[in-house]
Amino acid sequence: MTLQEPHRPRMLASFVNHMIGVLDDPDQAEAALQALMAEEHFTEHDIELLSGEAGQDRLDFTGERHGLLARLRRQIQKLTDEYEHARRYEDELLRGRYLVVVHVSREEQARRVCHLLRSHGGHFIHYYGPYIVQQFCPDLDA
């Protein structure tokens, strides 16, 4: 997986069963991706890197780019932590930062991924479980 890989066209509608972390530069992001595959044995299907305009399109904070149902979903998310986090993620992308999105299904795995992302400069790292949002390695900037 490289930073030049094209974005996926569908909206990242739900964060459930994902860990998302912000990385500040492309070298950190690439190193984190490589470590996730080598150390945690994730595949390219489990990991996504969002950056730039393509990342903003995939995140689609308002749902405007993906139609009525997407806008409705984002309106419903206003009742959850996901909404404010999505706003922060959009802001990070606008600032030229990178989002690493990892599909995780177990809390133990999420803890390891959190520390791995942190070791590569990650911050604002959250795990979105089915009914909970958790920070396993809290940030000073959270």
N, C-alpha and C. Protein backbone atom coordinates (compact mmCIF):
# COMPACT_ATOMS: atom_id res chain seq x y z
N MET A 1 0.86 -1.17 0.00
CA MET A 1 0.00 0.00 0.00
C MET A 1 0.90 1.22 0.00
N THR A 2 0.58 2.18 -0.83
CA THR A 2 1.38 3.40 -0.89
C THR A 2 0.48 4.61 -0.74
N LEU A 3 1.08 5.73 -0.53
CA LEU A 3 0.33 6.97 -0.35
C LEU A 3 -0.37 7.41 -1.63
N GLN A 4 0.08 6.94 -2.78
CA GLN A 4 -0.50 7.36 -4.05
C GLN A 4 -1.72 6.51 -4.44
N GLU A 5 -2.08 5.54 -3.63
CA GLU A 5 -3.19 4.66 -3.97
C GLU A 5 -4.50 5.47 -4.07
N PRO A 6 -5.33 5.23 -5.09
CA PRO A 6 -6.56 5.99 -5.23
C PRO A 6 -7.54 5.70 -4.09
N HIS A 7 -8.37 6.70 -3.78
CA HIS A 7 -9.34 6.53 -2.71
C HIS A 7 -10.47 5.60 -3.14
N ARG A 8 -11.15 5.09 -2.17
CA ARG A 8 -12.33 4.27 -2.43
C ARG A 8 -13.51 5.22 -2.60
N PRO A 9 -14.38 4.97 -3.55
CA PRO A 9 -15.44 5.93 -3.87
C PRO A 9 -16.55 6.05 -2.83
N ARG A 10 -16.81 5.00 -2.06
CA ARG A 10 -17.92 5.08 -1.10
C ARG A 10 -17.56 5.90 0.12
N MET A 11 -18.57 6.47 0.74
CA MET A 11 -18.37 7.26 1.95
C MET A 11 -18.03 6.35 3.13
N LEU A 12 -17.14 6.81 3.99
CA LEU A 12 -16.87 6.12 5.24
C LEU A 12 -18.02 6.47 6.17
N ALA A 13 -19.09 5.71 6.03
CA ALA A 13 -20.35 6.06 6.67
C ALA A 13 -20.34 5.82 8.18
N SER A 14 -19.77 4.73 8.61
CA SER A 14 -19.75 4.40 10.02
C SER A 14 -18.32 4.07 10.44
N PHE A 15 -17.97 4.44 11.65
CA PHE A 15 -16.65 4.16 12.17
C PHE A 15 -16.63 2.87 12.99
N VAL A 16 -17.77 2.23 13.19
CA VAL A 16 -17.88 1.06 14.05
C VAL A 16 -16.90 -0.03 13.60
N ASN A 17 -16.21 -0.61 14.59
CA ASN A 17 -15.18 -1.63 14.40
C ASN A 17 -13.96 -1.10 13.65
N HIS A 18 -13.68 0.18 13.84
CA HIS A 18 -12.50 0.79 13.24
C HIS A 18 -11.72 1.57 14.30
N MET A 19 -10.44 1.63 14.10
CA MET A 19 -9.59 2.53 14.86
C MET A 19 -9.09 3.57 13.86
N ILE A 20 -9.17 4.82 14.25
CA ILE A 20 -8.74 5.90 13.38
C ILE A 20 -7.73 6.75 14.14
N GLY A 21 -6.63 7.03 13.47
CA GLY A 21 -5.60 7.87 14.06
C GLY A 21 -5.10 8.89 13.05
N VAL A 22 -4.63 10.00 13.53
CA VAL A 22 -4.10 11.08 12.70
C VAL A 22 -2.59 11.02 12.73
N LEU A 23 -1.98 11.12 11.56
CA LEU A 23 -0.53 11.22 11.44
C LEU A 23 -0.21 12.48 10.66
N ASP A 24 0.89 13.12 11.02
CA ASP A 24 1.18 14.45 10.49
C ASP A 24 1.90 14.48 9.15
N ASP A 25 2.65 13.44 8.82
CA ASP A 25 3.38 13.51 7.55
C ASP A 25 3.38 12.16 6.84
N PRO A 26 3.69 12.17 5.55
CA PRO A 26 3.58 10.95 4.75
C PRO A 26 4.55 9.85 5.17
N ASP A 27 5.73 10.22 5.66
CA ASP A 27 6.68 9.19 6.10
C ASP A 27 6.15 8.45 7.32
N GLN A 28 5.56 9.19 8.26
CA GLN A 28 4.96 8.55 9.44
C GLN A 28 3.82 7.64 9.01
N ALA A 29 2.98 8.12 8.12
CA ALA A 29 1.82 7.34 7.67
C ALA A 29 2.27 6.06 6.98
N GLU A 30 3.25 6.16 6.10
CA GLU A 30 3.75 4.98 5.39
C GLU A 30 4.38 3.99 6.35
N ALA A 31 5.15 4.49 7.31
CA ALA A 31 5.77 3.61 8.30
C ALA A 31 4.71 2.90 9.14
N ALA A 32 3.67 3.61 9.50
CA ALA A 32 2.59 3.00 10.29
C ALA A 32 1.88 1.91 9.48
N LEU A 33 1.61 2.17 8.21
CA LEU A 33 0.97 1.17 7.37
C LEU A 33 1.82 -0.09 7.26
N GLN A 34 3.11 0.10 7.03
CA GLN A 34 4.01 -1.04 6.90
C GLN A 34 4.07 -1.83 8.20
N ALA A 35 4.11 -1.14 9.33
CA ALA A 35 4.16 -1.82 10.62
C ALA A 35 2.87 -2.58 10.91
N LEU A 36 1.75 -2.00 10.55
CA LEU A 36 0.47 -2.70 10.76
C LEU A 36 0.43 -4.01 9.98
N MET A 37 0.97 -4.00 8.78
CA MET A 37 0.98 -5.22 7.97
C MET A 37 2.03 -6.21 8.49
N ALA A 38 3.19 -5.72 8.84
CA ALA A 38 4.28 -6.61 9.26
C ALA A 38 4.09 -7.14 10.69
N GLU A 39 3.75 -6.26 11.61
CA GLU A 39 3.68 -6.63 13.02
C GLU A 39 2.33 -7.19 13.44
N GLU A 40 1.27 -6.65 12.89
CA GLU A 40 -0.08 -7.08 13.28
C GLU A 40 -0.76 -7.95 12.23
N HIS A 41 -0.09 -8.14 11.11
CA HIS A 41 -0.57 -9.03 10.04
C HIS A 41 -1.89 -8.58 9.42
N PHE A 42 -2.10 -7.27 9.36
CA PHE A 42 -3.25 -6.74 8.64
C PHE A 42 -2.97 -6.82 7.15
N THR A 43 -4.02 -6.90 6.36
CA THR A 43 -3.86 -6.86 4.92
C THR A 43 -4.30 -5.49 4.42
N GLU A 44 -4.09 -5.26 3.13
CA GLU A 44 -4.50 -3.98 2.54
C GLU A 44 -6.01 -3.79 2.60
N HIS A 45 -6.75 -4.87 2.77
CA HIS A 45 -8.21 -4.78 2.88
C HIS A 45 -8.65 -4.30 4.27
N ASP A 46 -7.75 -4.40 5.25
CA ASP A 46 -8.06 -4.02 6.63
C ASP A 46 -7.65 -2.59 6.95
N ILE A 47 -6.85 -1.99 6.08
CA ILE A 47 -6.25 -0.68 6.38
C ILE A 47 -6.55 0.28 5.24
N GLU A 48 -6.82 1.51 5.63
CA GLU A 48 -7.05 2.54 4.62
C GLU A 48 -6.33 3.81 5.05
N LEU A 49 -5.76 4.49 4.09
CA LEU A 49 -5.11 5.76 4.34
C LEU A 49 -5.91 6.85 3.64
N LEU A 50 -6.36 7.83 4.41
CA LEU A 50 -7.10 8.95 3.84
C LEU A 50 -6.20 10.18 3.87
N SER A 51 -6.16 10.89 2.75
CA SER A 51 -5.39 12.12 2.69
C SER A 51 -5.95 13.02 1.60
N GLY A 52 -5.69 14.29 1.74
CA GLY A 52 -6.05 15.27 0.72
C GLY A 52 -7.53 15.28 0.36
N GLU A 53 -7.77 15.72 -0.86
CA GLU A 53 -9.13 15.84 -1.36
C GLU A 53 -9.83 14.49 -1.45
N ALA A 54 -9.09 13.47 -1.86
CA ALA A 54 -9.66 12.13 -1.96
C ALA A 54 -10.10 11.63 -0.58
N GLY A 55 -9.30 11.93 0.44
CA GLY A 55 -9.67 11.55 1.81
C GLY A 55 -10.89 12.31 2.29
N GLN A 56 -10.97 13.59 1.92
CA GLN A 56 -12.14 14.38 2.29
C GLN A 56 -13.40 13.83 1.62
N ASP A 57 -13.26 13.42 0.37
CA ASP A 57 -14.40 12.83 -0.34
C ASP A 57 -14.85 11.54 0.34
N ARG A 58 -13.90 10.72 0.74
CA ARG A 58 -14.23 9.43 1.38
C ARG A 58 -14.86 9.66 2.74
N LEU A 59 -14.33 10.60 3.52
CA LEU A 59 -14.88 10.90 4.83
C LEU A 59 -16.24 11.58 4.69
N ASP A 60 -16.34 12.53 3.80
CA ASP A 60 -17.57 13.27 3.51
C ASP A 60 -18.31 13.64 4.80
N PHE A 61 -17.73 14.55 5.56
CA PHE A 61 -18.24 14.95 6.86
C PHE A 61 -19.73 15.32 6.85
N THR A 62 -20.20 16.00 5.84
CA THR A 62 -21.60 16.43 5.79
C THR A 62 -22.51 15.44 5.07
N GLY A 63 -21.92 14.54 4.29
CA GLY A 63 -22.71 13.61 3.48
C GLY A 63 -23.15 14.22 2.16
N GLU A 64 -22.80 15.47 1.92
CA GLU A 64 -23.24 16.18 0.72
C GLU A 64 -22.77 15.52 -0.58
N ARG A 65 -21.60 14.94 -0.55
CA ARG A 65 -21.03 14.36 -1.77
C ARG A 65 -21.65 13.00 -2.13
N HIS A 66 -22.41 12.42 -1.19
CA HIS A 66 -22.91 11.06 -1.40
C HIS A 66 -24.43 10.95 -1.37
N GLY A 67 -25.13 12.06 -1.39
CA GLY A 67 -26.58 12.01 -1.55
C GLY A 67 -27.38 12.11 -0.27
N LEU A 68 -28.69 11.98 -0.45
CA LEU A 68 -29.66 12.17 0.62
C LEU A 68 -29.46 11.23 1.80
N LEU A 69 -29.28 9.93 1.55
CA LEU A 69 -29.12 8.98 2.64
C LEU A 69 -27.84 9.26 3.43
N ALA A 70 -26.81 9.66 2.75
CA ALA A 70 -25.56 10.01 3.43
C ALA A 70 -25.75 11.24 4.31
N ARG A 71 -26.45 12.24 3.81
CA ARG A 71 -26.72 13.44 4.63
C ARG A 71 -27.56 13.07 5.86
N LEU A 72 -28.54 12.19 5.67
CA LEU A 72 -29.38 11.75 6.79
C LEU A 72 -28.53 11.01 7.82
N ARG A 73 -27.64 10.14 7.36
CA ARG A 73 -26.77 9.41 8.28
C ARG A 73 -25.94 10.37 9.11
N ARG A 74 -25.37 11.38 8.48
CA ARG A 74 -24.55 12.34 9.21
C ARG A 74 -25.41 13.15 10.20
N GLN A 75 -26.64 13.43 9.84
CA GLN A 75 -27.54 14.14 10.77
C GLN A 75 -27.80 13.28 12.01
N ILE A 76 -28.01 12.01 11.81
CA ILE A 76 -28.24 11.08 12.93
C ILE A 76 -26.98 10.99 13.79
N GLN A 77 -25.82 11.02 13.15
CA GLN A 77 -24.56 10.94 13.89
C GLN A 77 -24.32 12.16 14.78
N LYS A 78 -25.07 13.23 14.57
CA LYS A 78 -24.91 14.40 15.43
C LYS A 78 -25.22 14.06 16.89
N LEU A 79 -25.90 12.95 17.11
CA LEU A 79 -26.23 12.51 18.46
C LEU A 79 -25.11 11.70 19.10
N THR A 80 -24.02 11.49 18.40
CA THR A 80 -22.95 10.62 18.89
C THR A 80 -21.60 11.33 18.88
N ASP A 81 -20.62 10.68 19.50
CA ASP A 81 -19.25 11.19 19.47
C ASP A 81 -18.67 11.15 18.05
N GLU A 82 -19.16 10.22 17.23
CA GLU A 82 -18.64 10.09 15.87
C GLU A 82 -18.73 11.41 15.10
N TYR A 83 -19.77 12.16 15.31
CA TYR A 83 -19.98 13.39 14.56
C TYR A 83 -18.86 14.40 14.84
N GLU A 84 -18.59 14.66 16.11
CA GLU A 84 -17.54 15.63 16.45
C GLU A 84 -16.18 15.11 16.03
N HIS A 85 -15.99 13.81 16.11
CA HIS A 85 -14.73 13.24 15.66
C HIS A 85 -14.58 13.38 14.15
N ALA A 86 -15.67 13.15 13.42
CA ALA A 86 -15.63 13.30 11.96
C ALA A 86 -15.29 14.74 11.59
N ARG A 87 -15.82 15.68 12.35
CA ARG A 87 -15.49 17.10 12.12
C ARG A 87 -13.99 17.32 12.32
N ARG A 88 -13.46 16.76 13.39
CA ARG A 88 -12.01 16.90 13.67
C ARG A 88 -11.20 16.23 12.56
N TYR A 89 -11.62 15.03 12.13
CA TYR A 89 -10.88 14.33 11.07
C TYR A 89 -10.89 15.15 9.78
N GLU A 90 -12.03 15.75 9.46
CA GLU A 90 -12.09 16.59 8.27
C GLU A 90 -11.10 17.76 8.39
N ASP A 91 -11.06 18.38 9.55
CA ASP A 91 -10.15 19.49 9.78
C ASP A 91 -8.70 19.03 9.63
N GLU A 92 -8.38 17.86 10.15
CA GLU A 92 -7.02 17.34 10.03
C GLU A 92 -6.66 17.12 8.55
N LEU A 93 -7.59 16.57 7.77
CA LEU A 93 -7.34 16.38 6.34
C LEU A 93 -7.14 17.71 5.64
N LEU A 94 -7.93 18.72 6.00
CA LEU A 94 -7.77 20.05 5.41
C LEU A 94 -6.42 20.66 5.73
N ARG A 95 -5.84 20.28 6.85
CA ARG A 95 -4.52 20.78 7.25
C ARG A 95 -3.39 19.98 6.62
N GLY A 96 -3.73 19.00 5.79
CA GLY A 96 -2.70 18.23 5.10
C GLY A 96 -2.22 17.02 5.86
N ARG A 97 -2.94 16.63 6.88
CA ARG A 97 -2.54 15.46 7.66
C ARG A 97 -3.18 14.20 7.08
N TYR A 98 -2.85 13.06 7.67
CA TYR A 98 -3.27 11.76 7.16
C TYR A 98 -4.07 11.02 8.22
N LEU A 99 -5.12 10.31 7.76
CA LEU A 99 -5.89 9.45 8.65
C LEU A 99 -5.59 8.01 8.30
N VAL A 100 -5.22 7.23 9.31
CA VAL A 100 -5.07 5.80 9.13
C VAL A 100 -6.31 5.17 9.75
N VAL A 101 -7.03 4.42 8.92
CA VAL A 101 -8.27 3.77 9.34
C VAL A 101 -8.02 2.26 9.30
N VAL A 102 -8.19 1.61 10.45
CA VAL A 102 -7.89 0.19 10.56
C VAL A 102 -9.14 -0.55 11.05
N HIS A 103 -9.51 -1.59 10.32
CA HIS A 103 -10.64 -2.42 10.74
C HIS A 103 -10.18 -3.35 11.85
N VAL A 104 -10.71 -3.13 13.04
CA VAL A 104 -10.38 -4.00 14.19
C VAL A 104 -11.68 -4.49 14.79
N SER A 105 -11.65 -5.70 15.30
CA SER A 105 -12.89 -6.28 15.83
C SER A 105 -12.80 -6.66 17.30
N ARG A 106 -11.61 -6.56 17.87
CA ARG A 106 -11.45 -6.93 19.27
C ARG A 106 -10.72 -5.84 20.04
N GLU A 107 -11.10 -5.66 21.28
CA GLU A 107 -10.50 -4.61 22.10
C GLU A 107 -9.00 -4.83 22.28
N GLU A 108 -8.58 -6.07 22.47
CA GLU A 108 -7.16 -6.37 22.65
C GLU A 108 -6.36 -5.94 21.41
N GLN A 109 -6.91 -6.23 20.25
CA GLN A 109 -6.26 -5.84 19.00
C GLN A 109 -6.22 -4.31 18.89
N ALA A 110 -7.29 -3.66 19.29
CA ALA A 110 -7.36 -2.20 19.24
C ALA A 110 -6.29 -1.57 20.11
N ARG A 111 -6.04 -2.13 21.26
CA ARG A 111 -4.99 -1.61 22.15
C ARG A 111 -3.62 -1.66 21.48
N ARG A 112 -3.32 -2.78 20.85
CA ARG A 112 -2.03 -2.93 20.18
C ARG A 112 -1.91 -1.94 19.01
N VAL A 113 -2.99 -1.81 18.24
CA VAL A 113 -2.97 -0.90 17.10
C VAL A 113 -2.79 0.54 17.58
N CYS A 114 -3.44 0.90 18.64
CA CYS A 114 -3.31 2.25 19.19
C CYS A 114 -1.86 2.56 19.53
N HIS A 115 -1.21 1.64 20.23
CA HIS A 115 0.18 1.87 20.62
C HIS A 115 1.10 1.87 19.41
N LEU A 116 0.80 1.06 18.42
CA LEU A 116 1.60 1.05 17.20
C LEU A 116 1.48 2.39 16.47
N LEU A 117 0.24 2.89 16.33
CA LEU A 117 0.04 4.19 15.69
C LEU A 117 0.76 5.29 16.47
N ARG A 118 0.65 5.24 17.79
CA ARG A 118 1.31 6.24 18.63
C ARG A 118 2.82 6.20 18.43
N SER A 119 3.38 5.00 18.31
CA SER A 119 4.83 4.87 18.15
C SER A 119 5.32 5.45 16.81
N HIS A 120 4.39 5.66 15.88
CA HIS A 120 4.74 6.25 14.58
C HIS A 120 4.26 7.70 14.47
N GLY A 121 3.98 8.32 15.60
CA GLY A 121 3.61 9.72 15.60
C GLY A 121 2.11 9.97 15.57
N GLY A 122 1.31 8.92 15.70
CA GLY A 122 -0.14 9.08 15.66
C GLY A 122 -0.69 9.83 16.87
N HIS A 123 -1.76 10.54 16.63
CA HIS A 123 -2.47 11.24 17.71
C HIS A 123 -3.95 11.28 17.35
N PHE A 124 -4.76 11.74 18.30
CA PHE A 124 -6.23 11.71 18.17
C PHE A 124 -6.65 10.33 17.64
N ILE A 125 -6.28 9.32 18.41
CA ILE A 125 -6.51 7.92 18.05
C ILE A 125 -7.70 7.40 18.85
N HIS A 126 -8.70 6.88 18.13
CA HIS A 126 -9.90 6.36 18.79
C HIS A 126 -10.31 5.03 18.19
N TYR A 127 -10.84 4.17 19.07
CA TYR A 127 -11.43 2.91 18.65
C TYR A 127 -12.94 3.06 18.76
N TYR A 128 -13.63 2.71 17.69
CA TYR A 128 -15.09 2.81 17.64
C TYR A 128 -15.67 1.40 17.69
N GLY A 129 -16.07 0.99 18.89
CA GLY A 129 -16.70 -0.31 19.05
C GLY A 129 -18.17 -0.22 18.71
N PRO A 130 -18.89 -1.33 18.84
CA PRO A 130 -20.31 -1.31 18.48
C PRO A 130 -21.13 -0.28 19.27
N TYR A 131 -20.80 -0.07 20.54
CA TYR A 131 -21.59 0.86 21.34
C TYR A 131 -20.74 1.81 22.17
N ILE A 132 -19.46 1.92 21.81
CA ILE A 132 -18.56 2.72 22.63
C ILE A 132 -17.42 3.29 21.79
N VAL A 133 -16.95 4.46 22.20
CA VAL A 133 -15.75 5.05 21.60
C VAL A 133 -14.71 5.07 22.71
N GLN A 134 -13.50 4.55 22.40
CA GLN A 134 -12.47 4.46 23.42
C GLN A 134 -11.15 5.01 22.92
N GLN A 135 -10.39 5.55 23.86
CA GLN A 135 -9.01 5.94 23.62
C GLN A 135 -8.16 5.03 24.50
N PHE A 136 -7.32 4.20 23.90
CA PHE A 136 -6.48 3.30 24.67
C PHE A 136 -5.15 3.93 25.02
N CYS A 137 -4.76 4.95 24.30
CA CYS A 137 -3.53 5.67 24.60
C CYS A 137 -3.87 7.15 24.46
N PRO A 138 -4.44 7.75 25.51
CA PRO A 138 -4.94 9.14 25.43
C PRO A 138 -3.90 10.14 24.97
N ASP A 139 -4.38 11.16 24.29
CA ASP A 139 -3.55 12.24 23.76
C ASP A 139 -3.62 13.46 24.65
N LEU A 140 -2.61 14.28 24.51
CA LEU A 140 -2.67 15.60 25.14
C LEU A 140 -3.58 16.51 24.36
N ASP A 141 -3.77 16.23 23.04
CA ASP A 141 -4.58 17.10 22.19
C ASP A 141 -6.00 16.58 21.98
N ALA A 142 -6.44 15.62 22.75
CA ALA A 142 -7.74 14.96 22.53
C ALA A 142 -8.91 15.85 22.72
